[in-house]
Structure formats: structure tokens, C-alpha cells
Amino acid sequence: MLLGRSPIVPADLIDEKSFKARLIEPKDFASRAGDKSVVLDVRDRVQRDTPLFPFKEQRAQLDDMKKIDTVIEDVKAQKKTLLVYDQTGKQVQWFQYYLESKGIKDYYFMKGGAQAHFDYTLGKVVLGSGDKSKDKAPAGKN
């Protein structure tokens, strides 16, 4: 079942190339967030702590279709680009079907989602992977 319709017609499936064409790196996503775009955070409430783009974004969980439809109608009316991000870049792939069904043509997703944004802006943190010998002072220099 796809968007409530069954059976699925293979020609209606979005291929990987078409999905990847809509992915933009966090740096590019951030540079596009402005007057000519609407940023939509579709992370679950549990995943949200702070907005990535304060005063520039709207928030709607993927199960809040009323809110999402309101954002989509605003984007269409204002002829703006829709920029969407989730937590890790996985949920937006399914969301693309919904955007296409609503006739949205000018939209992009943040590659890797909010996590990639944090990795880009704050640096990637990998716990337990460092070389512990670098943390020790040379012998006789304590």
C-alpha cells in the first residue's frame, strides 16, 4: 500500500536517483533557508530539543497531516522552496511520495537530517574511537 492506495503500480515508485537528486548537504540547506523558502522540521516530538533554524522553520510531525497540508498550501501560494529535514534523513524518503502527490515541485531534503547538521556545525563526535595514547603526557613530563 502506498499513500492509502493498493495495489502499488511500479511506475509510481520513486527511484533512488530521483530521491538523491532532492538531497542537499547541511551547509547548502542552511544557505537556502531564508525569505525564498520554508523550512519544515518533521522530527518526532521526542527527537526535537531546539530548532535548527530559529524563527525560520515550522514544525510538524509526519502524522500531523493537517499541519503539513497547511505548510504545503502556504508554500504553493507563496511560490517558495520547501526545505525539509528529519532526524537522520531516513523518514523524508517516504515523505517525498506525499509531496509529489500534493504537486510540490520545488523541494529538497537535508542529507543526513538534523544529525548531519550537528555533525557539520559542531563537528562529528565518535565516542570510544580515540587513541588513548595521545591523551597521556610524555614520560617524565608530569
Protein backbone atom coordinates (compact mmCIF):
# COMPACT_ATOMS: atom_id res chain seq x y z
CA MET A 1 0.00 0.00 0.00
CA LEU A 2 1.29 3.46 -0.95
CA LEU A 3 -0.50 6.60 0.27
CA GLY A 4 -3.58 4.53 1.02
CA ARG A 5 -3.74 3.00 -2.47
CA SER A 6 -3.27 -0.62 -3.36
CA PRO A 7 -2.03 -2.34 -5.39
CA ILE A 8 1.14 -0.37 -5.95
CA VAL A 9 1.91 0.46 -9.56
CA PRO A 10 5.68 0.02 -10.08
CA ALA A 11 5.78 3.12 -12.29
CA ASP A 12 4.62 5.19 -9.26
CA LEU A 13 7.69 4.26 -7.22
CA ILE A 14 10.34 6.94 -6.81
CA ASP A 15 13.73 5.57 -7.78
CA GLU A 16 16.91 6.14 -5.79
CA LYS A 17 18.32 8.58 -8.35
CA SER A 18 15.21 10.80 -8.10
CA PHE A 19 15.37 10.72 -4.31
CA LYS A 20 19.09 11.55 -4.20
CA ALA A 21 18.51 14.48 -6.57
CA ARG A 22 16.46 16.06 -3.76
CA LEU A 23 19.16 15.68 -1.09
CA ILE A 24 21.36 18.65 -0.25
CA GLU A 25 24.23 18.87 2.20
CA PRO A 26 23.60 20.62 5.54
CA LYS A 27 25.76 23.59 4.51
CA ASP A 28 23.73 24.14 1.32
CA PHE A 29 20.45 23.56 3.17
CA ALA A 30 21.36 26.23 5.72
CA SER A 31 22.34 28.70 3.00
CA ARG A 32 18.95 28.22 1.29
CA ALA A 33 16.94 28.81 4.49
CA GLY A 34 15.64 32.35 4.07
CA ASP A 35 12.99 34.55 2.51
CA LYS A 36 12.55 32.39 -0.59
CA SER A 37 12.00 29.15 1.29
CA VAL A 38 10.01 27.48 4.05
CA VAL A 39 11.89 25.11 6.36
CA LEU A 40 9.87 22.21 7.73
CA ASP A 41 11.11 20.12 10.67
CA VAL A 42 9.32 16.75 10.56
CA ARG A 43 11.12 15.16 13.51
CA ASP A 44 9.04 13.48 16.21
CA ARG A 45 8.49 15.50 19.38
CA VAL A 46 10.85 13.17 21.23
CA GLN A 47 13.66 13.96 18.77
CA ARG A 48 13.28 17.73 18.99
CA ASP A 49 15.12 19.76 21.55
CA THR A 50 15.85 23.02 19.79
CA PRO A 51 15.06 24.29 16.31
CA LEU A 52 17.96 24.19 13.86
CA PHE A 53 16.77 27.37 12.15
CA PRO A 54 15.12 29.56 14.82
CA PHE A 55 12.39 31.87 13.51
CA LYS A 56 12.82 30.38 10.02
CA GLU A 57 11.16 27.00 10.42
CA GLN A 58 7.84 25.34 11.02
CA ARG A 59 7.37 22.05 12.81
CA ALA A 60 5.01 19.18 12.05
CA GLN A 61 5.32 15.52 12.86
CA LEU A 62 4.77 13.24 9.90
CA ASP A 63 1.47 12.03 11.37
CA ASP A 64 0.10 15.59 11.66
CA MET A 65 -1.24 15.80 8.12
CA LYS A 66 -3.43 18.82 8.85
CA LYS A 67 -0.38 20.90 9.83
CA ILE A 68 1.68 19.52 6.94
CA ASP A 69 -1.10 20.33 4.46
CA THR A 70 -1.25 23.90 5.82
CA VAL A 71 2.50 24.31 5.27
CA ILE A 72 2.24 22.82 1.77
CA GLU A 73 -0.57 25.19 0.82
CA ASP A 74 1.43 28.16 2.13
CA VAL A 75 4.47 27.06 0.10
CA LYS A 76 2.36 26.78 -3.05
CA ALA A 77 0.61 30.14 -2.50
CA GLN A 78 3.88 31.96 -1.83
CA LYS A 79 5.78 30.10 -4.58
CA LYS A 80 8.61 29.22 -2.20
CA THR A 81 11.03 26.32 -1.98
CA LEU A 82 10.20 23.74 0.69
CA LEU A 83 13.22 22.58 2.70
CA VAL A 84 12.52 19.53 4.87
CA TYR A 85 14.59 17.74 7.48
CA ASP A 86 14.09 14.87 9.89
CA GLN A 87 16.44 13.36 12.46
CA THR A 88 18.69 11.21 10.26
CA GLY A 89 17.46 11.59 6.69
CA LYS A 90 15.50 8.32 6.66
CA GLN A 91 11.89 9.48 7.15
CA VAL A 92 11.97 12.05 4.36
CA GLN A 93 12.29 9.36 1.70
CA TRP A 94 8.71 8.28 2.36
CA PHE A 95 7.59 11.88 2.73
CA GLN A 96 8.67 12.50 -0.86
CA TYR A 97 5.70 10.44 -2.06
CA TYR A 98 3.34 12.73 -0.19
CA LEU A 99 4.94 15.91 -1.56
CA GLU A 100 4.72 14.55 -5.09
CA SER A 101 1.06 13.62 -4.59
CA LYS A 102 0.38 17.22 -3.49
CA GLY A 103 2.01 18.67 -6.59
CA ILE A 104 5.03 20.18 -4.84
CA LYS A 105 7.87 20.52 -7.37
CA ASP A 106 10.38 22.78 -5.60
CA TYR A 107 11.55 20.89 -2.51
CA TYR A 108 14.72 19.49 -1.00
CA PHE A 109 15.72 17.35 1.96
CA MET A 110 18.71 17.79 4.24
CA LYS A 111 21.05 14.89 3.55
CA GLY A 112 21.54 13.03 6.84
CA GLY A 113 18.91 15.12 8.64
CA ALA A 114 19.44 17.03 11.88
CA GLN A 115 22.25 14.70 12.92
CA ALA A 116 24.26 15.65 9.83
CA HIS A 117 23.58 19.32 10.58
CA PHE A 118 25.01 18.90 14.09
CA ASP A 119 28.00 16.97 12.73
CA TYR A 120 28.62 19.78 10.23
CA THR A 121 28.21 22.69 12.66
CA LEU A 122 29.68 21.14 15.82
CA GLY A 123 31.99 18.50 14.42
CA LYS A 124 31.36 14.79 14.39
CA VAL A 125 31.77 13.19 17.79
CA VAL A 126 32.57 9.48 17.91
CA LEU A 127 32.80 8.13 21.43
CA GLY A 128 35.32 5.43 22.24
CA SER A 129 37.24 5.65 18.99
CA GLY A 130 40.13 7.84 20.04
CA ASP A 131 43.71 6.76 20.54
CA LYS A 132 44.17 6.82 24.32
CA SER A 133 47.94 7.07 24.00
CA LYS A 134 47.57 10.62 22.68
CA ASP A 135 45.85 11.66 25.91
CA LYS A 136 48.80 10.70 28.10
CA ALA A 137 51.59 13.13 28.86
CA PRO A 138 55.06 12.01 27.72
CA ALA A 139 57.03 10.09 30.36
CA GLY A 140 58.86 12.36 32.78
CA LYS A 141 56.78 15.44 31.89
CA ASN A 142 54.03 15.07 34.54
